[in-house]
Amino acid sequence: MPSNLRKSTPGRTLIGFTALVAFVAAVTARDHRLRASHEGWRFPTALGDKEVMESFEVHPRGAEILKLEGQPLLRVKVRPVTRRDWQMWKAGRDDSKRYFLYRGQGGEVTGAGAALENPGEGPLYIKVRQGNHGGSEFLEVGPRMKEGE
């Protein structure tokens, strides 16, 4: 008779617990494998940015290098300046979303506090060469000057 059969409650509990442990192990293994894509350090500075414009040398001074919000940005300086990555603050991306634009504080940035005081002001730069030990080269870019300026 079916009602006289003994129910295996400890066996069912063991199977359920084993299934739960297997599920947790699978989720943990997947998270461990994909951790690099889930975690990423993002800094508000140029620190760790790998995107550099290597073709900047073909553009003479005054030539359009890229666009920002539909407006052309021109090469302002002849030579790039060397700055520490942590001194250059991100100001956005160009229209192609390929390169970051940065701002330091006008002139040479001499310390961490100088860039922290007013990161929203000063000329725009684009990273053109990744340097060793945090010192990279940045090229100043700017909008076309209007008549009379």
Foldseek 3Di string as FASTA:
>chain_A
DVVPDDDDVVVVVVVVVVVVVVVVVVVVVVCVVCVVVVDDDDDQWQPPPDQAAQPPLVAAFQGFDAAAPNFTKGFHDRFWDKDFRLQWGFPQATPVNRWTKTAHPADHDDDNVRRVPCRPDDFIWTFHADDPPRIGTITTIGGDDDPPD
